């Protein structure tokens, strides 16, 4: 609707009669009048949008929220249309965050539950309107907001066009696409994700299949599991004794991939290789031991046995630069850490 038609509509008899009996003017009509009269001195995110863009987006948002995903705005009565516009405008005028909350509600209340359901099923006439209109008149930022919402909540394949824009990066996976990406059969992957806490323990196969998983988080987690080090092999990997490994595990200095309270955590205690490598890298950063003082320094095990303190406390002090230590170049891992016993036994 252009400005001339809006002025005619605002000056029409029905609205004047409504005001004459004391009916409150809808917020969106007050905003339109103020804008047409050039009296709007406040700053708003709508300032750069046309009247048509704001009103059309408001009507569509309010229409769906009031009448459901299949609403036909053209079939609403004038009173229903005004109510929809007023409700939608009260949301739209608050900006992108309020609109995103409305999109959350629209998606949540959709009858579509299957992971294969497309944007039309989840967002109804709002998506249909913006999808068709994207090739004609620019509808304003509502299209970008809906596109971002779709990508944020759906497993969109790279290369797919959403509201006129090609999506180049995957944000979410379904269980099926995740299975293909990480090379683990779907039933086994489902069990693994339950152990990792990414799928609720009691979820059925259908429920698991309808979930989506954040690609940036889940793919590295699963790949870390595939290359993980069993607790039985950690001692050799980090150059420590089995007793030292048990202490580090118990005190949380080395953390298993499957939380200790998670299902299967007792049966399958494994550690991400990257997590253990970060500990080894920190040890490799210690200064090399000077051969001239080799006899005056002792291994971390020795100094702990001589009263330096608990092994985990001394190691934490070294890693946090509170206790001076050096690295024996002829040894690896924790076994390479040497300390002056007199610097800690005081």
C-alpha atoms as a PDB file:
ATOM      1  CA  UNK A   1       0.000   0.000   0.000  1.00  0.00           C
ATOM      2  CA  UNK A   2       1.490   3.344  -1.011  1.00  0.00           C
ATOM      3  CA  UNK A   3       1.397   6.513   1.092  1.00  0.00           C
ATOM      4  CA  UNK A   4      -1.555   8.092  -0.819  1.00  0.00           C
ATOM      5  CA  UNK A   5      -3.736   5.037  -0.233  1.00  0.00           C
ATOM      6  CA  UNK A   6      -2.654   4.916   3.391  1.00  0.00           C
ATOM      7  CA  UNK A   7      -3.650   8.536   3.886  1.00  0.00           C
ATOM      8  CA  UNK A   8      -7.039   7.830   2.302  1.00  0.00           C
ATOM      9  CA  UNK A   9      -7.500   4.738   4.487  1.00  0.00           C
ATOM     10  CA  UNK A  10      -6.571   6.593   7.640  1.00  0.00           C
ATOM     11  CA  UNK A  11      -8.993   9.388   6.833  1.00  0.00           C
ATOM     12  CA  UNK A  12     -11.876   7.041   5.977  1.00  0.00           C
ATOM     13  CA  UNK A  13     -15.190   7.254   7.840  1.00  0.00           C
ATOM     14  CA  UNK A  14     -15.068   3.889   9.677  1.00  0.00           C
ATOM     15  CA  UNK A  15     -11.880   4.796  11.527  1.00  0.00           C
ATOM     16  CA  UNK A  16     -13.225   8.268  12.327  1.00  0.00           C
ATOM     17  CA  UNK A  17     -16.439   6.748  13.637  1.00  0.00           C
ATOM     18  CA  UNK A  18     -14.506   4.262  15.757  1.00  0.00           C
ATOM     19  CA  UNK A  19     -12.529   7.066  17.323  1.00  0.00           C
ATOM     20  CA  UNK A  20     -15.733   9.050  17.918  1.00  0.00           C
ATOM     21  CA  UNK A  21     -17.058   6.330  20.268  1.00  0.00           C
ATOM     22  CA  UNK A  22     -13.777   6.150  22.119  1.00  0.00           C
ATOM     23  CA  UNK A  23     -12.191   3.068  20.554  1.00  0.00           C
ATOM     24  CA  UNK A  24      -8.426   3.101  21.067  1.00  0.00           C
ATOM     25  CA  UNK A  25      -6.456   3.532  17.849  1.00  0.00           C
ATOM     26  CA  UNK A  26      -4.268   0.465  17.133  1.00  0.00           C
ATOM     27  CA  UNK A  27      -0.574   1.028  17.740  1.00  0.00           C
ATOM     28  CA  UNK A  28       0.387   0.372  14.134  1.00  0.00           C
ATOM     29  CA  UNK A  29      -2.055   3.009  12.845  1.00  0.00           C
ATOM     30  CA  UNK A  30      -0.676   5.562  15.287  1.00  0.00           C
ATOM     31  CA  UNK A  31       2.828   4.761  14.035  1.00  0.00           C
ATOM     32  CA  UNK A  32       1.707   5.113  10.396  1.00  0.00           C
ATOM     33  CA  UNK A  33       0.091   8.492  11.045  1.00  0.00           C
ATOM     34  CA  UNK A  34       3.147   9.779  12.870  1.00  0.00           C
ATOM     35  CA  UNK A  35       5.432   8.642  10.081  1.00  0.00           C
ATOM     36  CA  UNK A  36       3.270  10.068   7.308  1.00  0.00           C
ATOM     37  CA  UNK A  37       3.092  13.393   9.107  1.00  0.00           C
ATOM     38  CA  UNK A  38       6.878  13.452   9.533  1.00  0.00           C
ATOM     39  CA  UNK A  39       6.576  13.747  13.313  1.00  0.00           C
ATOM     40  CA  UNK A  40       8.559  10.634  14.254  1.00  0.00           C
ATOM     41  CA  UNK A  41      11.652  11.954  16.019  1.00  0.00           C
ATOM     42  CA  UNK A  42      12.627   8.732  17.835  1.00  0.00           C
ATOM     43  CA  UNK A  43      15.155   6.285  16.397  1.00  0.00           C
ATOM     44  CA  UNK A  44      13.850   2.877  15.359  1.00  0.00           C
ATOM     45  CA  UNK A  45      15.114  -0.107  13.408  1.00  0.00           C
ATOM     46  CA  UNK A  46      12.069   0.400  11.153  1.00  0.00           C
ATOM     47  CA  UNK A  47      13.252   3.837   9.953  1.00  0.00           C
ATOM     48  CA  UNK A  48      15.007   2.347   6.918  1.00  0.00           C
ATOM     49  CA  UNK A  49      12.035   0.154   5.964  1.00  0.00           C
ATOM     50  CA  UNK A  50       9.125   1.192   3.821  1.00  0.00           C
ATOM     51  CA  UNK A  51       5.624   1.392   5.249  1.00  0.00           C
ATOM     52  CA  UNK A  52       4.610  -1.530   3.066  1.00  0.00           C
ATOM     53  CA  UNK A  53       7.442  -3.713   4.352  1.00  0.00           C
ATOM     54  CA  UNK A  54       6.624  -3.052   8.015  1.00  0.00           C
ATOM     55  CA  UNK A  55       2.862  -3.489   7.647  1.00  0.00           C
ATOM     56  CA  UNK A  56       3.068  -6.600   5.450  1.00  0.00           C
ATOM     57  CA  UNK A  57       5.505  -8.314   7.843  1.00  0.00           C
ATOM     58  CA  UNK A  58       3.361  -7.323  10.842  1.00  0.00           C
ATOM     59  CA  UNK A  59       0.178  -8.694   9.270  1.00  0.00           C
ATOM     60  CA  UNK A  60       1.837 -11.983   8.388  1.00  0.00           C
ATOM     61  CA  UNK A  61       3.423 -12.498  11.823  1.00  0.00           C
ATOM     62  CA  UNK A  62       0.209 -11.624  13.631  1.00  0.00           C
ATOM     63  CA  UNK A  63      -1.915 -13.660  11.249  1.00  0.00           C
ATOM     64  CA  UNK A  64       0.061 -16.861  11.811  1.00  0.00           C
ATOM     65  CA  UNK A  65       0.284 -16.368  15.561  1.00  0.00           C
ATOM     66  CA  UNK A  66      -3.481 -15.808  15.755  1.00  0.00           C
ATOM     67  CA  UNK A  67      -4.840 -18.133  13.074  1.00  0.00           C
ATOM     68  CA  UNK A  68      -2.203 -20.796  12.487  1.00  0.00           C
ATOM     69  CA  UNK A  69       0.311 -21.772   9.820  1.00  0.00           C
ATOM     70  CA  UNK A  70      -2.215 -22.066   6.979  1.00  0.00           C
ATOM     71  CA  UNK A  71      -3.839 -18.664   7.489  1.00  0.00           C
ATOM     72  CA  UNK A  72      -5.097 -16.903   4.359  1.00  0.00           C
ATOM     73  CA  UNK A  73      -4.872 -13.214   5.138  1.00  0.00           C
ATOM     74  CA  UNK A  74      -7.150 -12.316   2.249  1.00  0.00           C
ATOM     75  CA  UNK A  75      -9.971 -14.334   3.817  1.00  0.00           C
ATOM     76  CA  UNK A  76      -9.809 -12.662   7.223  1.00  0.00           C
ATOM     77  CA  UNK A  77     -12.429 -10.110   8.156  1.00  0.00           C
ATOM     78  CA  UNK A  78     -11.350  -6.483   8.445  1.00  0.00           C
ATOM     79  CA  UNK A  79     -11.494  -6.774  12.239  1.00  0.00           C
ATOM     80  CA  UNK A  80      -9.340  -9.927  12.167  1.00  0.00           C
ATOM     81  CA  UNK A  81      -6.876  -8.280   9.791  1.00  0.00           C
ATOM     82  CA  UNK A  82      -6.580  -5.235  12.048  1.00  0.00           C
ATOM     83  CA  UNK A  83      -6.058  -7.460  15.095  1.00  0.00           C
ATOM     84  CA  UNK A  84      -3.373  -9.483  13.283  1.00  0.00           C
ATOM     85  CA  UNK A  85      -1.562  -6.331  12.158  1.00  0.00           C
ATOM     86  CA  UNK A  86      -1.681  -4.861  15.658  1.00  0.00           C
ATOM     87  CA  UNK A  87      -0.346  -8.052  17.286  1.00  0.00           C
ATOM     88  CA  UNK A  88       2.333  -8.466  14.631  1.00  0.00           C
ATOM     89  CA  UNK A  89       3.372  -4.820  14.841  1.00  0.00           C
ATOM     90  CA  UNK A  90       3.743  -4.991  18.631  1.00  0.00           C
ATOM     91  CA  UNK A  91       6.353  -7.708  18.015  1.00  0.00           C
ATOM     92  CA  UNK A  92       7.931  -6.338  14.852  1.00  0.00           C
ATOM     93  CA  UNK A  93       8.450  -2.853  16.278  1.00  0.00           C
ATOM     94  CA  UNK A  94      10.574  -4.273  19.115  1.00  0.00           C
ATOM     95  CA  UNK A  95      13.235  -5.462  16.669  1.00  0.00           C
ATOM     96  CA  UNK A  96      15.053  -8.654  15.617  1.00  0.00           C
ATOM     97  CA  UNK A  97      15.210 -10.310  19.054  1.00  0.00           C
ATOM     98  CA  UNK A  98      11.449 -10.081  19.540  1.00  0.00           C
ATOM     99  CA  UNK A  99      10.898 -11.365  15.993  1.00  0.00           C
ATOM    100  CA  UNK A 100      13.213 -14.315  16.657  1.00  0.00           C
ATOM    101  CA  UNK A 101      11.174 -15.198  19.746  1.00  0.00           C
ATOM    102  CA  UNK A 102       8.031 -15.107  17.610  1.00  0.00           C
ATOM    103  CA  UNK A 103       9.699 -17.382  15.045  1.00  0.00           C
ATOM    104  CA  UNK A 104      10.608 -19.761  17.871  1.00  0.00           C
ATOM    105  CA  UNK A 105       6.941 -19.943  18.825  1.00  0.00           C
ATOM    106  CA  UNK A 106       5.807 -20.383  15.221  1.00  0.00           C
ATOM    107  CA  UNK A 107       8.255 -23.240  14.705  1.00  0.00           C
ATOM    108  CA  UNK A 108       7.426 -24.853  18.062  1.00  0.00           C
ATOM    109  CA  UNK A 109       3.676 -24.777  17.416  1.00  0.00           C
ATOM    110  CA  UNK A 110       4.023 -26.237  13.926  1.00  0.00           C
ATOM    111  CA  UNK A 111       2.336 -29.632  13.468  1.00  0.00           C
ATOM    112  CA  UNK A 112       5.497 -30.748  11.630  1.00  0.00           C
ATOM    113  CA  UNK A 113       7.780 -32.862  13.833  1.00  0.00           C
ATOM    114  CA  UNK A 114       9.773 -35.028  11.403  1.00  0.00           C
ATOM    115  CA  UNK A 115      13.372 -33.989  10.809  1.00  0.00           C
ATOM    116  CA  UNK A 116      12.731 -34.219   7.052  1.00  0.00           C
ATOM    117  CA  UNK A 117      10.021 -31.553   7.245  1.00  0.00           C
ATOM    118  CA  UNK A 118      10.914 -28.447   5.263  1.00  0.00           C
ATOM    119  CA  UNK A 119      10.615 -24.753   6.112  1.00  0.00           C
ATOM    120  CA  UNK A 120       7.110 -24.545   4.621  1.00  0.00           C
ATOM    121  CA  UNK A 121       5.885 -27.095   7.156  1.00  0.00           C
ATOM    122  CA  UNK A 122       7.557 -25.328  10.066  1.00  0.00           C
ATOM    123  CA  UNK A 123       6.763 -21.710   9.188  1.00  0.00           C
ATOM    124  CA  UNK A 124       3.668 -22.044   7.032  1.00  0.00           C
ATOM    125  CA  UNK A 125       2.427 -19.024   5.083  1.00  0.00           C
ATOM    126  CA  UNK A 126       5.262 -16.844   6.403  1.00  0.00           C
ATOM    127  CA  UNK A 127       7.801 -18.943   4.499  1.00  0.00           C
ATOM    128  CA  UNK A 128       5.550 -19.284   1.445  1.00  0.00           C
ATOM    129  CA  UNK A 129       5.067 -15.509   1.284  1.00  0.00           C
ATOM    130  CA  UNK A 130       8.750 -14.706   1.637  1.00  0.00           C
ATOM    131  CA  UNK A 131       9.842 -17.497  -0.710  1.00  0.00           C
ATOM    132  CA  UNK A 132       7.614 -16.238  -3.516  1.00  0.00           C
ATOM    133  CA  UNK A 133       8.186 -12.585  -2.765  1.00  0.00           C
ATOM    134  CA  UNK A 134      11.978 -12.964  -2.735  1.00  0.00           C
ATOM    135  CA  UNK A 135      11.827 -12.961  -6.536  1.00  0.00           C
ATOM    136  CA  UNK A 136       9.646  -9.844  -6.733  1.00  0.00           C
ATOM    137  CA  UNK A 137       9.427  -6.989  -4.224  1.00  0.00           C
ATOM    138  CA  UNK A 138      12.016  -6.986  -1.460  1.00  0.00           C
ATOM    139  CA  UNK A 139      10.125  -7.726   1.792  1.00  0.00           C
ATOM    140  CA  UNK A 140      12.781  -6.167   4.014  1.00  0.00           C
ATOM    141  CA  UNK A 141      14.815  -7.713   6.851  1.00  0.00           C
ATOM    142  CA  UNK A 142      12.099 -10.198   7.832  1.00  0.00           C
ATOM    143  CA  UNK A 143      13.358 -12.472   5.039  1.00  0.00           C
ATOM    144  CA  UNK A 144      16.928 -12.483   6.363  1.00  0.00           C
ATOM    145  CA  UNK A 145      15.676 -13.079   9.908  1.00  0.00           C
ATOM    146  CA  UNK A 146      13.616 -16.077   8.820  1.00  0.00           C
ATOM    147  CA  UNK A 147      16.491 -17.487   6.744  1.00  0.00           C
ATOM    148  CA  UNK A 148      18.837 -17.250   9.733  1.00  0.00           C
ATOM    149  CA  UNK A 149      16.229 -18.949  11.909  1.00  0.00           C
ATOM    150  CA  UNK A 150      15.821 -21.802   9.431  1.00  0.00           C
ATOM    151  CA  UNK A 151      19.579 -22.366   9.152  1.00  0.00           C
ATOM    152  CA  UNK A 152      19.949 -22.161  12.924  1.00  0.00           C
ATOM    153  CA  UNK A 153      17.373 -24.873  13.602  1.00  0.00           C
ATOM    154  CA  UNK A 154      17.378 -27.155  10.559  1.00  0.00           C
ATOM    155  CA  UNK A 155      19.870 -29.567   9.022  1.00  0.00           C
ATOM    156  CA  UNK A 156      20.282 -27.679   5.738  1.00  0.00           C
ATOM    157  CA  UNK A 157      22.508 -29.378   3.189  1.00  0.00           C
ATOM    158  CA  UNK A 158      25.337 -27.176   1.792  1.00  0.00           C
ATOM    159  CA  UNK A 159      24.393 -25.898  -1.646  1.00  0.00           C
ATOM    160  CA  UNK A 160      20.695 -25.596  -0.756  1.00  0.00           C
ATOM    161  CA  UNK A 161      19.034 -22.279  -1.560  1.00  0.00           C
ATOM    162  CA  UNK A 162      16.982 -20.842   1.291  1.00  0.00           C
ATOM    163  CA  UNK A 163      14.911 -17.741   0.536  1.00  0.00           C
ATOM    164  CA  UNK A 164      17.088 -16.803  -2.410  1.00  0.00           C
ATOM    165  CA  UNK A 165      20.493 -17.382  -0.786  1.00  0.00           C
ATOM    166  CA  UNK A 166      22.691 -20.469  -1.184  1.00  0.00           C
ATOM    167  CA  UNK A 167      23.799 -22.001   2.120  1.00  0.00           C
ATOM    168  CA  UNK A 168      27.483 -22.866   1.814  1.00  0.00           C
ATOM    169  CA  UNK A 169      28.228 -24.215   5.295  1.00  0.00           C
ATOM    170  CA  UNK A 170      26.400 -26.910   7.239  1.00  0.00           C
ATOM    171  CA  UNK A 171      25.313 -25.818  10.702  1.00  0.00           C
ATOM    172  CA  UNK A 172      23.394 -28.913  11.803  1.00  0.00           C
ATOM    173  CA  UNK A 173      23.336 -32.634  11.095  1.00  0.00           C
ATOM    174  CA  UNK A 174      20.583 -35.213  11.276  1.00  0.00           C
ATOM    175  CA  UNK A 175      21.547 -38.574  12.733  1.00  0.00           C
ATOM    176  CA  UNK A 176      21.651 -39.953   9.190  1.00  0.00           C
ATOM    177  CA  UNK A 177      23.895 -37.219   7.725  1.00  0.00           C
ATOM    178  CA  UNK A 178      26.118 -37.337  10.805  1.00  0.00           C
ATOM    179  CA  UNK A 179      26.497 -41.091  10.359  1.00  0.00           C
ATOM    180  CA  UNK A 180      27.654 -40.588   6.767  1.00  0.00           C
ATOM    181  CA  UNK A 181      30.068 -37.784   7.758  1.00  0.00           C
ATOM    182  CA  UNK A 182      31.860 -39.583  10.596  1.00  0.00           C
ATOM    183  CA  UNK A 183      31.689 -43.083   9.101  1.00  0.00           C
ATOM    184  CA  UNK A 184      29.862 -44.777  11.975  1.00  0.00           C
ATOM    185  CA  UNK A 185      26.751 -46.890  11.405  1.00  0.00           C
ATOM    186  CA  UNK A 186      23.589 -45.190  12.614  1.00  0.00           C
ATOM    187  CA  UNK A 187      22.662 -47.692  15.404  1.00  0.00           C
ATOM    188  CA  UNK A 188      26.170 -47.576  16.870  1.00  0.00           C
ATOM    189  CA  UNK A 189      26.323 -43.797  16.481  1.00  0.00           C
ATOM    190  CA  UNK A 190      23.008 -43.446  18.311  1.00  0.00           C
ATOM    191  CA  UNK A 191      24.375 -45.485  21.240  1.00  0.00           C
ATOM    192  CA  UNK A 192      27.558 -43.417  21.271  1.00  0.00           C
ATOM    193  CA  UNK A 193      25.675 -40.107  21.285  1.00  0.00           C
ATOM    194  CA  UNK A 194      23.637 -41.348  24.242  1.00  0.00           C
ATOM    195  CA  UNK A 195      26.857 -42.118  26.107  1.00  0.00           C
ATOM    196  CA  UNK A 196      28.188 -38.672  25.251  1.00  0.00           C
ATOM    197  CA  UNK A 197      24.998 -37.068  26.518  1.00  0.00           C
ATOM    198  CA  UNK A 198      23.992 -35.676  23.103  1.00  0.00           C
ATOM    199  CA  UNK A 199      20.847 -37.839  22.945  1.00  0.00           C
ATOM    200  CA  UNK A 200      18.622 -38.403  26.008  1.00  0.00           C
ATOM    201  CA  UNK A 201      19.157 -41.875  27.453  1.00  0.00           C
ATOM    202  CA  UNK A 202      15.533 -42.914  27.024  1.00  0.00           C
ATOM    203  CA  UNK A 203      15.037 -41.515  23.504  1.00  0.00           C
ATOM    204  CA  UNK A 204      13.479 -43.919  21.015  1.00  0.00           C
ATOM    205  CA  UNK A 205      14.919 -44.571  17.568  1.00  0.00           C
ATOM    206  CA  UNK A 206      12.252 -42.329  16.030  1.00  0.00           C
ATOM    207  CA  UNK A 207      12.958 -39.524  18.507  1.00  0.00           C
ATOM    208  CA  UNK A 208      16.705 -39.797  17.894  1.00  0.00           C
ATOM    209  CA  UNK A 209      16.116 -39.713  14.148  1.00  0.00           C
ATOM    210  CA  UNK A 210      14.160 -36.474  14.476  1.00  0.00           C
ATOM    211  CA  UNK A 211      16.914 -34.651  16.364  1.00  0.00           C
ATOM    212  CA  UNK A 212      19.504 -32.310  14.883  1.00  0.00           C
ATOM    213  CA  UNK A 213      23.088 -31.926  16.103  1.00  0.00           C
ATOM    214  CA  UNK A 214      25.329 -28.891  15.913  1.00  0.00           C
ATOM    215  CA  UNK A 215      28.011 -29.743  13.363  1.00  0.00           C
ATOM    216  CA  UNK A 216      30.798 -27.592  14.839  1.00  0.00           C
ATOM    217  CA  UNK A 217      30.425 -29.320  18.213  1.00  0.00           C
ATOM    218  CA  UNK A 218      29.320 -32.881  17.458  1.00  0.00           C
ATOM    219  CA  UNK A 219      31.605 -33.853  14.562  1.00  0.00           C
ATOM    220  CA  UNK A 220      34.870 -33.044  16.432  1.00  0.00           C
ATOM    221  CA  UNK A 221      33.483 -34.813  19.526  1.00  0.00           C
ATOM    222  CA  UNK A 222      32.829 -38.032  17.615  1.00  0.00           C
ATOM    223  CA  UNK A 223      36.134 -37.872  15.768  1.00  0.00           C
ATOM    224  CA  UNK A 224      37.865 -37.390  19.107  1.00  0.00           C
ATOM    225  CA  UNK A 225      36.135 -40.547  20.340  1.00  0.00           C
ATOM    226  CA  UNK A 226      37.274 -42.524  17.292  1.00  0.00           C
ATOM    227  CA  UNK A 227      40.936 -41.673  18.024  1.00  0.00           C
ATOM    228  CA  UNK A 228      40.615 -41.689  21.819  1.00  0.00           C
ATOM    229  CA  UNK A 229      43.127 -43.347  24.153  1.00  0.00           C
ATOM    230  CA  UNK A 230      41.846 -46.025  26.540  1.00  0.00           C
ATOM    231  CA  UNK A 231      42.614 -45.524  30.212  1.00  0.00           C
ATOM    232  CA  UNK A 232      44.711 -48.689  30.045  1.00  0.00           C
ATOM    233  CA  UNK A 233      47.030 -47.014  27.516  1.00  0.00           C
ATOM    234  CA  UNK A 234      47.181 -43.542  29.033  1.00  0.00           C
ATOM    235  CA  UNK A 235      50.150 -44.300  31.300  1.00  0.00           C
ATOM    236  CA  UNK A 236      52.358 -45.142  28.342  1.00  0.00           C
ATOM    237  CA  UNK A 237      50.972 -42.264  26.277  1.00  0.00           C
ATOM    238  CA  UNK A 238      51.804 -39.553  28.821  1.00  0.00           C
ATOM    239  CA  UNK A 239      54.896 -41.198  30.348  1.00  0.00           C
ATOM    240  CA  UNK A 240      53.371 -41.774  33.777  1.00  0.00           C
ATOM    241  CA  UNK A 241      52.817 -44.675  36.136  1.00  0.00           C
ATOM    242  CA  UNK A 242      49.423 -46.353  36.315  1.00  0.00           C
ATOM    243  CA  UNK A 243      49.003 -45.039  39.852  1.00  0.00           C
ATOM    244  CA  UNK A 244      49.710 -41.493  38.688  1.00  0.00           C
ATOM    245  CA  UNK A 245      47.135 -41.860  35.902  1.00  0.00           C
ATOM    246  CA  UNK A 246      44.532 -43.095  38.388  1.00  0.00           C
ATOM    247  CA  UNK A 247      45.252 -40.059  40.578  1.00  0.00           C
ATOM    248  CA  UNK A 248      45.015 -37.610  37.657  1.00  0.00           C
ATOM    249  CA  UNK A 249      41.755 -39.216  36.566  1.00  0.00           C
ATOM    250  CA  UNK A 250      40.272 -39.201  40.068  1.00  0.00           C
ATOM    251  CA  UNK A 251      41.205 -35.553  40.620  1.00  0.00           C
ATOM    252  CA  UNK A 252      39.857 -34.437  37.230  1.00  0.00           C
ATOM    253  CA  UNK A 253      43.214 -33.265  35.870  1.00  0.00           C
ATOM    254  CA  UNK A 254      42.702 -35.575  32.921  1.00  0.00           C
ATOM    255  CA  UNK A 255      39.044 -35.744  31.886  1.00  0.00           C
ATOM    256  CA  UNK A 256      37.393 -38.633  30.029  1.00  0.00           C
ATOM    257  CA  UNK A 257      35.346 -38.057  26.904  1.00  0.00           C
ATOM    258  CA  UNK A 258      32.330 -39.740  28.478  1.00  0.00           C
ATOM    259  CA  UNK A 259      31.502 -37.910  31.722  1.00  0.00           C
ATOM    260  CA  UNK A 260      32.106 -40.031  34.805  1.00  0.00           C
ATOM    261  CA  UNK A 261      28.394 -39.848  35.637  1.00  0.00           C
ATOM    262  CA  UNK A 262      27.330 -40.797  32.106  1.00  0.00           C
ATOM    263  CA  UNK A 263      26.036 -44.147  30.896  1.00  0.00           C
ATOM    264  CA  UNK A 264      28.858 -46.527  30.078  1.00  0.00           C
ATOM    265  CA  UNK A 265      31.466 -44.289  31.690  1.00  0.00           C
ATOM    266  CA  UNK A 266      32.730 -47.070  33.966  1.00  0.00           C
ATOM    267  CA  UNK A 267      32.906 -49.687  31.209  1.00  0.00           C
ATOM    268  CA  UNK A 268      34.610 -47.496  28.637  1.00  0.00           C
ATOM    269  CA  UNK A 269      36.905 -44.824  30.070  1.00  0.00           C
ATOM    270  CA  UNK A 270      38.646 -43.097  27.173  1.00  0.00           C
ATOM    271  CA  UNK A 271      40.439 -39.788  26.774  1.00  0.00           C
ATOM    272  CA  UNK A 272      40.594 -37.468  23.797  1.00  0.00           C
ATOM    273  CA  UNK A 273      44.044 -37.595  22.221  1.00  0.00           C
ATOM    274  CA  UNK A 274      44.001 -33.813  21.865  1.00  0.00           C
ATOM    275  CA  UNK A 275      43.305 -33.441  25.594  1.00  0.00           C
ATOM    276  CA  UNK A 276      46.297 -35.600  26.509  1.00  0.00           C
ATOM    277  CA  UNK A 277      48.453 -33.895  23.881  1.00  0.00           C
ATOM    278  CA  UNK A 278      47.732 -30.518  25.469  1.00  0.00           C
ATOM    279  CA  UNK A 279      49.217 -31.840  28.727  1.00  0.00           C
ATOM    280  CA  UNK A 280      52.272 -33.143  26.885  1.00  0.00           C
ATOM    281  CA  UNK A 281      52.695 -29.827  25.076  1.00  0.00           C
ATOM    282  CA  UNK A 282      52.715 -27.981  28.382  1.00  0.00           C
ATOM    283  CA  UNK A 283      55.426 -30.311  29.674  1.00  0.00           C
ATOM    284  CA  UNK A 284      57.447 -29.830  26.471  1.00  0.00           C
ATOM    285  CA  UNK A 285      57.462 -26.084  27.181  1.00  0.00           C
ATOM    286  CA  UNK A 286      59.431 -26.554  30.405  1.00  0.00           C
ATOM    287  CA  UNK A 287      63.096 -25.508  30.150  1.00  0.00           C
ATOM    288  CA  UNK A 288      65.552 -28.263  29.337  1.00  0.00           C
ATOM    289  CA  UNK A 289      67.582 -29.577  32.250  1.00  0.00           C
ATOM    290  CA  UNK A 290      71.191 -28.413  32.363  1.00  0.00           C
ATOM    291  CA  UNK A 291      73.536 -31.393  32.594  1.00  0.00           C
ATOM    292  CA  UNK A 292      75.573 -29.561  35.245  1.00  0.00           C
ATOM    293  CA  UNK A 293      72.697 -29.720  37.732  1.00  0.00           C
ATOM    294  CA  UNK A 294      71.363 -33.151  36.789  1.00  0.00           C
ATOM    295  CA  UNK A 295      72.436 -34.747  40.053  1.00  0.00           C
ATOM    296  CA  UNK A 296      70.808 -32.028  42.128  1.00  0.00           C
ATOM    297  CA  UNK A 297      67.345 -32.463  40.588  1.00  0.00           C
ATOM    298  CA  UNK A 298      64.950 -35.369  40.934  1.00  0.00           C
ATOM    299  CA  UNK A 299      61.865 -36.698  39.204  1.00  0.00           C
ATOM    300  CA  UNK A 300      58.455 -35.514  40.296  1.00  0.00           C
ATOM    301  CA  UNK A 301      57.742 -38.981  41.745  1.00  0.00           C
ATOM    302  CA  UNK A 302      60.879 -38.834  43.901  1.00  0.00           C
ATOM    303  CA  UNK A 303      60.207 -35.372  45.346  1.00  0.00           C
ATOM    304  CA  UNK A 304      56.594 -36.307  46.165  1.00  0.00           C
ATOM    305  CA  UNK A 305      57.828 -39.387  48.021  1.00  0.00           C
ATOM    306  CA  UNK A 306      60.222 -37.132  49.965  1.00  0.00           C
ATOM    307  CA  UNK A 307      57.464 -34.931  51.315  1.00  0.00           C
ATOM    308  CA  UNK A 308      56.980 -32.367  48.578  1.00  0.00           C
ATOM    309  CA  UNK A 309      53.233 -32.966  48.701  1.00  0.00           C
ATOM    310  CA  UNK A 310      50.592 -34.901  46.836  1.00  0.00           C
ATOM    311  CA  UNK A 311      51.544 -35.750  43.269  1.00  0.00           C
ATOM    312  CA  UNK A 312      48.507 -33.993  41.750  1.00  0.00           C
ATOM    313  CA  UNK A 313      49.202 -30.809  43.764  1.00  0.00           C
ATOM    314  CA  UNK A 314      52.859 -30.672  42.770  1.00  0.00           C
ATOM    315  CA  UNK A 315      52.034 -31.340  39.100  1.00  0.00           C
ATOM    316  CA  UNK A 316      49.363 -28.617  39.109  1.00  0.00           C
ATOM    317  CA  UNK A 317      51.864 -26.217  40.677  1.00  0.00           C
ATOM    318  CA  UNK A 318      54.368 -26.964  37.917  1.00  0.00           C
ATOM    319  CA  UNK A 319      51.845 -26.647  35.106  1.00  0.00           C
ATOM    320  CA  UNK A 320      50.639 -23.340  36.540  1.00  0.00           C
ATOM    321  CA  UNK A 321      54.208 -21.983  36.931  1.00  0.00           C
ATOM    322  CA  UNK A 322      53.981 -21.888  40.739  1.00  0.00           C
ATOM    323  CA  UNK A 323      56.689 -24.512  41.221  1.00  0.00           C
ATOM    324  CA  UNK A 324      59.908 -24.326  39.155  1.00  0.00           C
ATOM    325  CA  UNK A 325      60.698 -27.451  37.154  1.00  0.00           C
ATOM    326  CA  UNK A 326      62.730 -28.566  34.137  1.00  0.00           C
ATOM    327  CA  UNK A 327      62.431 -31.214  31.452  1.00  0.00           C
ATOM    328  CA  UNK A 328      64.828 -34.155  31.194  1.00  0.00           C
ATOM    329  CA  UNK A 329      65.585 -34.457  27.458  1.00  0.00           C
ATOM    330  CA  UNK A 330      66.211 -38.186  27.724  1.00  0.00           C
ATOM    331  CA  UNK A 331      62.706 -38.953  28.961  1.00  0.00           C
ATOM    332  CA  UNK A 332      59.129 -38.237  27.903  1.00  0.00           C
ATOM    333  CA  UNK A 333      55.923 -36.983  29.411  1.00  0.00           C
ATOM    334  CA  UNK A 334      55.440 -36.730  33.136  1.00  0.00           C
ATOM    335  CA  UNK A 335      58.497 -38.893  33.677  1.00  0.00           C
ATOM    336  CA  UNK A 336      60.582 -36.108  32.145  1.00  0.00           C
ATOM    337  CA  UNK A 337      59.622 -33.565  34.830  1.00  0.00           C
ATOM    338  CA  UNK A 338      62.459 -32.906  37.271  1.00  0.00           C
ATOM    339  CA  UNK A 339      62.334 -30.674  40.313  1.00  0.00           C
ATOM    340  CA  UNK A 340      64.725 -29.367  42.972  1.00  0.00           C
ATOM    341  CA  UNK A 341      63.485 -31.142  46.066  1.00  0.00           C
ATOM    342  CA  UNK A 342      64.572 -28.260  48.278  1.00  0.00           C
ATOM    343  CA  UNK A 343      62.384 -25.796  46.335  1.00  0.00           C
ATOM    344  CA  UNK A 344      59.218 -27.656  47.319  1.00  0.00           C
ATOM    345  CA  UNK A 345      60.120 -29.363  50.579  1.00  0.00           C
ATOM    346  CA  UNK A 346      60.321 -26.386  52.934  1.00  0.00           C
END
